[in-house]
Amino acid sequence: MTKNSQELAANATKIYEQRLKEELEKTHFDYFLAIEPDSGDHFLGGTLSEAAAAARKAHPGRRAFLLRVGHRTAVHIGAAHQ
């Protein structure tokens, strides 16, 4: 992860933890969330693509950080745990 990517992730995570987490985990658990950290704007979607597209549309040329509300990671790749 590059320094810019680390900063983007850290800034967006801070926004999520301080401003969004409590409410969104009650109202939009399992939704995907894109956070554009420079503006603080956030975008929800039923899929990762929907959230990313909404962020791109609102802020073309800027990068957004994507996560899944209520989860440690946005996606899980691999076998299911039994």
N, C-alpha and C. Protein backbone atom coordinates (compact mmCIF):
# COMPACT_ATOMS: atom_id res chain seq x y z
N MET A 1 0.86 -1.17 0.00
CA MET A 1 0.00 0.00 0.00
C MET A 1 0.90 1.23 0.00
N THR A 2 0.62 2.16 -0.88
CA THR A 2 1.42 3.38 -0.96
C THR A 2 1.06 4.33 0.18
N LYS A 3 1.92 5.31 0.38
CA LYS A 3 1.66 6.31 1.42
C LYS A 3 0.32 7.00 1.19
N ASN A 4 0.04 7.37 -0.07
CA ASN A 4 -1.24 8.02 -0.37
C ASN A 4 -2.42 7.11 -0.07
N SER A 5 -2.28 5.83 -0.39
CA SER A 5 -3.36 4.87 -0.11
C SER A 5 -3.55 4.70 1.39
N GLN A 6 -2.45 4.68 2.13
CA GLN A 6 -2.54 4.55 3.58
C GLN A 6 -3.23 5.77 4.19
N GLU A 7 -2.91 6.94 3.69
CA GLU A 7 -3.54 8.17 4.19
C GLU A 7 -5.02 8.19 3.85
N LEU A 8 -5.36 7.80 2.62
CA LEU A 8 -6.76 7.74 2.21
C LEU A 8 -7.53 6.80 3.13
N ALA A 9 -6.99 5.61 3.37
CA ALA A 9 -7.65 4.63 4.23
C ALA A 9 -7.77 5.15 5.65
N ALA A 10 -6.72 5.74 6.18
CA ALA A 10 -6.74 6.25 7.55
C ALA A 10 -7.76 7.38 7.71
N ASN A 11 -7.79 8.30 6.76
CA ASN A 11 -8.73 9.42 6.84
C ASN A 11 -10.18 8.95 6.72
N ALA A 12 -10.43 8.05 5.79
CA ALA A 12 -11.79 7.54 5.61
C ALA A 12 -12.23 6.71 6.81
N THR A 13 -11.33 5.91 7.34
CA THR A 13 -11.66 5.11 8.52
C THR A 13 -11.99 5.99 9.71
N LYS A 14 -11.28 7.07 9.86
CA LYS A 14 -11.55 8.02 10.94
C LYS A 14 -12.95 8.63 10.78
N ILE A 15 -13.30 9.00 9.56
CA ILE A 15 -14.65 9.53 9.29
C ILE A 15 -15.70 8.49 9.64
N TYR A 16 -15.47 7.26 9.21
CA TYR A 16 -16.42 6.18 9.50
C TYR A 16 -16.58 5.99 11.01
N GLU A 17 -15.47 5.85 11.70
CA GLU A 17 -15.52 5.58 13.13
C GLU A 17 -16.15 6.72 13.92
N GLN A 18 -15.83 7.95 13.57
CA GLN A 18 -16.29 9.10 14.36
C GLN A 18 -17.66 9.61 13.97
N ARG A 19 -18.04 9.50 12.70
CA ARG A 19 -19.27 10.15 12.25
C ARG A 19 -20.35 9.20 11.74
N LEU A 20 -19.98 8.04 11.24
CA LEU A 20 -20.94 7.22 10.51
C LEU A 20 -21.27 5.88 11.16
N LYS A 21 -20.32 5.27 11.79
CA LYS A 21 -20.44 3.88 12.25
C LYS A 21 -21.68 3.61 13.09
N GLU A 22 -21.88 4.38 14.13
CA GLU A 22 -22.97 4.10 15.06
C GLU A 22 -24.32 4.07 14.35
N GLU A 23 -24.60 5.08 13.55
CA GLU A 23 -25.90 5.15 12.87
C GLU A 23 -26.02 4.11 11.75
N LEU A 24 -24.98 4.01 10.91
CA LEU A 24 -25.08 3.11 9.77
C LEU A 24 -25.14 1.64 10.17
N GLU A 25 -24.49 1.27 11.27
CA GLU A 25 -24.57 -0.12 11.70
C GLU A 25 -25.96 -0.47 12.21
N LYS A 26 -26.73 0.52 12.61
CA LYS A 26 -28.12 0.30 13.02
C LYS A 26 -29.04 0.25 11.80
N THR A 27 -28.79 1.11 10.83
CA THR A 27 -29.75 1.31 9.74
C THR A 27 -29.35 0.66 8.41
N HIS A 28 -28.06 0.42 8.19
CA HIS A 28 -27.61 -0.08 6.88
C HIS A 28 -26.55 -1.18 7.01
N PHE A 29 -26.70 -2.05 8.00
CA PHE A 29 -25.76 -3.14 8.21
C PHE A 29 -25.68 -3.99 6.94
N ASP A 30 -24.49 -4.38 6.54
CA ASP A 30 -24.20 -5.19 5.35
C ASP A 30 -24.17 -4.39 4.05
N TYR A 31 -24.54 -3.12 4.06
CA TYR A 31 -24.44 -2.30 2.85
C TYR A 31 -22.96 -2.00 2.57
N PHE A 32 -22.68 -1.64 1.35
CA PHE A 32 -21.35 -1.19 0.99
C PHE A 32 -21.32 0.33 1.09
N LEU A 33 -20.16 0.85 1.47
CA LEU A 33 -20.01 2.27 1.74
C LEU A 33 -18.74 2.78 1.08
N ALA A 34 -18.87 3.86 0.34
CA ALA A 34 -17.72 4.55 -0.23
C ALA A 34 -17.60 5.90 0.48
N ILE A 35 -16.41 6.20 0.97
CA ILE A 35 -16.16 7.48 1.64
C ILE A 35 -15.11 8.24 0.85
N GLU A 36 -15.45 9.47 0.47
CA GLU A 36 -14.50 10.36 -0.19
C GLU A 36 -13.95 11.23 0.93
N PRO A 37 -12.72 10.97 1.39
CA PRO A 37 -12.25 11.59 2.62
C PRO A 37 -11.97 13.09 2.55
N ASP A 38 -11.70 13.65 1.39
CA ASP A 38 -11.44 15.09 1.33
C ASP A 38 -12.70 15.89 1.66
N SER A 39 -13.84 15.44 1.17
CA SER A 39 -15.10 16.13 1.42
C SER A 39 -15.84 15.57 2.63
N GLY A 40 -15.56 14.30 2.94
CA GLY A 40 -16.30 13.61 3.99
C GLY A 40 -17.60 13.02 3.49
N ASP A 41 -17.88 13.19 2.19
CA ASP A 41 -19.11 12.63 1.62
C ASP A 41 -19.04 11.10 1.64
N HIS A 42 -20.21 10.50 1.82
CA HIS A 42 -20.27 9.04 1.80
C HIS A 42 -21.45 8.59 0.95
N PHE A 43 -21.31 7.37 0.41
CA PHE A 43 -22.28 6.84 -0.54
C PHE A 43 -22.53 5.38 -0.23
N LEU A 44 -23.79 5.02 -0.09
CA LEU A 44 -24.17 3.65 0.22
C LEU A 44 -24.63 2.94 -1.05
N GLY A 45 -24.44 1.63 -1.07
CA GLY A 45 -24.93 0.83 -2.18
C GLY A 45 -25.19 -0.59 -1.73
N GLY A 46 -26.07 -1.25 -2.43
CA GLY A 46 -26.34 -2.66 -2.16
C GLY A 46 -25.20 -3.55 -2.63
N THR A 47 -24.39 -3.01 -3.54
CA THR A 47 -23.21 -3.72 -4.02
C THR A 47 -22.01 -2.78 -3.92
N LEU A 48 -20.83 -3.37 -3.98
CA LEU A 48 -19.61 -2.58 -3.98
C LEU A 48 -19.59 -1.65 -5.18
N SER A 49 -20.02 -2.14 -6.33
CA SER A 49 -20.04 -1.34 -7.56
C SER A 49 -20.97 -0.15 -7.45
N GLU A 50 -22.13 -0.32 -6.84
CA GLU A 50 -23.07 0.79 -6.67
C GLU A 50 -22.48 1.90 -5.81
N ALA A 51 -21.86 1.54 -4.71
CA ALA A 51 -21.27 2.54 -3.82
C ALA A 51 -20.12 3.27 -4.52
N ALA A 52 -19.27 2.52 -5.21
CA ALA A 52 -18.14 3.11 -5.92
C ALA A 52 -18.61 4.03 -7.04
N ALA A 53 -19.63 3.61 -7.79
CA ALA A 53 -20.14 4.42 -8.89
C ALA A 53 -20.73 5.73 -8.39
N ALA A 54 -21.42 5.69 -7.27
CA ALA A 54 -22.00 6.91 -6.71
C ALA A 54 -20.91 7.88 -6.29
N ALA A 55 -19.84 7.38 -5.70
CA ALA A 55 -18.73 8.24 -5.30
C ALA A 55 -18.04 8.83 -6.52
N ARG A 56 -17.84 8.01 -7.56
CA ARG A 56 -17.20 8.50 -8.80
C ARG A 56 -18.04 9.56 -9.48
N LYS A 57 -19.35 9.37 -9.48
CA LYS A 57 -20.25 10.34 -10.11
C LYS A 57 -20.21 11.68 -9.38
N ALA A 58 -20.20 11.64 -8.06
CA ALA A 58 -20.20 12.86 -7.27
C ALA A 58 -18.83 13.55 -7.26
N HIS A 59 -17.77 12.76 -7.33
CA HIS A 59 -16.41 13.30 -7.23
C HIS A 59 -15.51 12.66 -8.29
N PRO A 60 -15.72 12.99 -9.57
CA PRO A 60 -14.89 12.40 -10.62
C PRO A 60 -13.42 12.75 -10.39
N GLY A 61 -12.56 11.77 -10.61
CA GLY A 61 -11.13 12.01 -10.47
C GLY A 61 -10.60 11.88 -9.06
N ARG A 62 -11.47 11.71 -8.09
CA ARG A 62 -11.02 11.52 -6.71
C ARG A 62 -11.15 10.05 -6.34
N ARG A 63 -10.33 9.63 -5.42
CA ARG A 63 -10.41 8.25 -4.95
C ARG A 63 -11.28 8.18 -3.70
N ALA A 64 -11.98 7.08 -3.57
CA ALA A 64 -12.81 6.84 -2.39
C ALA A 64 -12.34 5.56 -1.72
N PHE A 65 -12.63 5.46 -0.46
CA PHE A 65 -12.32 4.26 0.32
C PHE A 65 -13.61 3.47 0.47
N LEU A 66 -13.55 2.17 0.19
CA LEU A 66 -14.75 1.34 0.23
C LEU A 66 -14.67 0.34 1.37
N LEU A 67 -15.81 0.17 2.03
CA LEU A 67 -15.90 -0.81 3.10
C LEU A 67 -17.32 -1.35 3.16
N ARG A 68 -17.52 -2.33 4.00
CA ARG A 68 -18.85 -2.88 4.20
C ARG A 68 -19.27 -2.57 5.62
N VAL A 69 -20.42 -1.98 5.75
CA VAL A 69 -20.91 -1.53 7.05
C VAL A 69 -21.05 -2.73 8.00
N GLY A 70 -20.37 -2.63 9.14
CA GLY A 70 -20.45 -3.66 10.16
C GLY A 70 -19.47 -4.80 9.99
N HIS A 71 -18.54 -4.69 9.04
CA HIS A 71 -17.58 -5.76 8.78
C HIS A 71 -16.16 -5.21 8.81
N ARG A 72 -15.20 -6.09 9.07
CA ARG A 72 -13.80 -5.67 9.09
C ARG A 72 -13.25 -5.44 7.69
N THR A 73 -13.79 -6.13 6.70
CA THR A 73 -13.35 -5.97 5.32
C THR A 73 -14.55 -5.80 4.40
N ALA A 74 -14.31 -5.24 3.22
CA ALA A 74 -15.39 -5.05 2.25
C ALA A 74 -15.80 -6.37 1.62
N VAL A 75 -14.82 -7.21 1.32
CA VAL A 75 -15.10 -8.50 0.69
C VAL A 75 -14.24 -9.58 1.33
N HIS A 76 -14.69 -10.82 1.23
CA HIS A 76 -13.93 -11.96 1.72
C HIS A 76 -13.73 -12.88 0.52
N ILE A 77 -12.50 -13.25 0.29
CA ILE A 77 -12.18 -14.15 -0.81
C ILE A 77 -11.62 -15.42 -0.20
N GLY A 78 -12.18 -16.54 -0.59
CA GLY A 78 -11.68 -17.81 -0.07
C GLY A 78 -12.81 -18.68 0.40
N ALA A 79 -12.43 -19.80 0.96
CA ALA A 79 -13.39 -20.79 1.43
C ALA A 79 -14.09 -20.28 2.67
N ALA A 80 -15.32 -20.70 2.83
CA ALA A 80 -16.08 -20.35 4.02
C ALA A 80 -15.53 -21.09 5.23
N HIS A 81 -15.54 -20.44 6.38
CA HIS A 81 -15.10 -21.08 7.61
C HIS A 81 -16.20 -21.99 8.12
N GLN A 82 -15.81 -23.13 8.63
CA GLN A 82 -16.81 -24.06 9.17
C GLN A 82 -16.63 -24.25 10.64
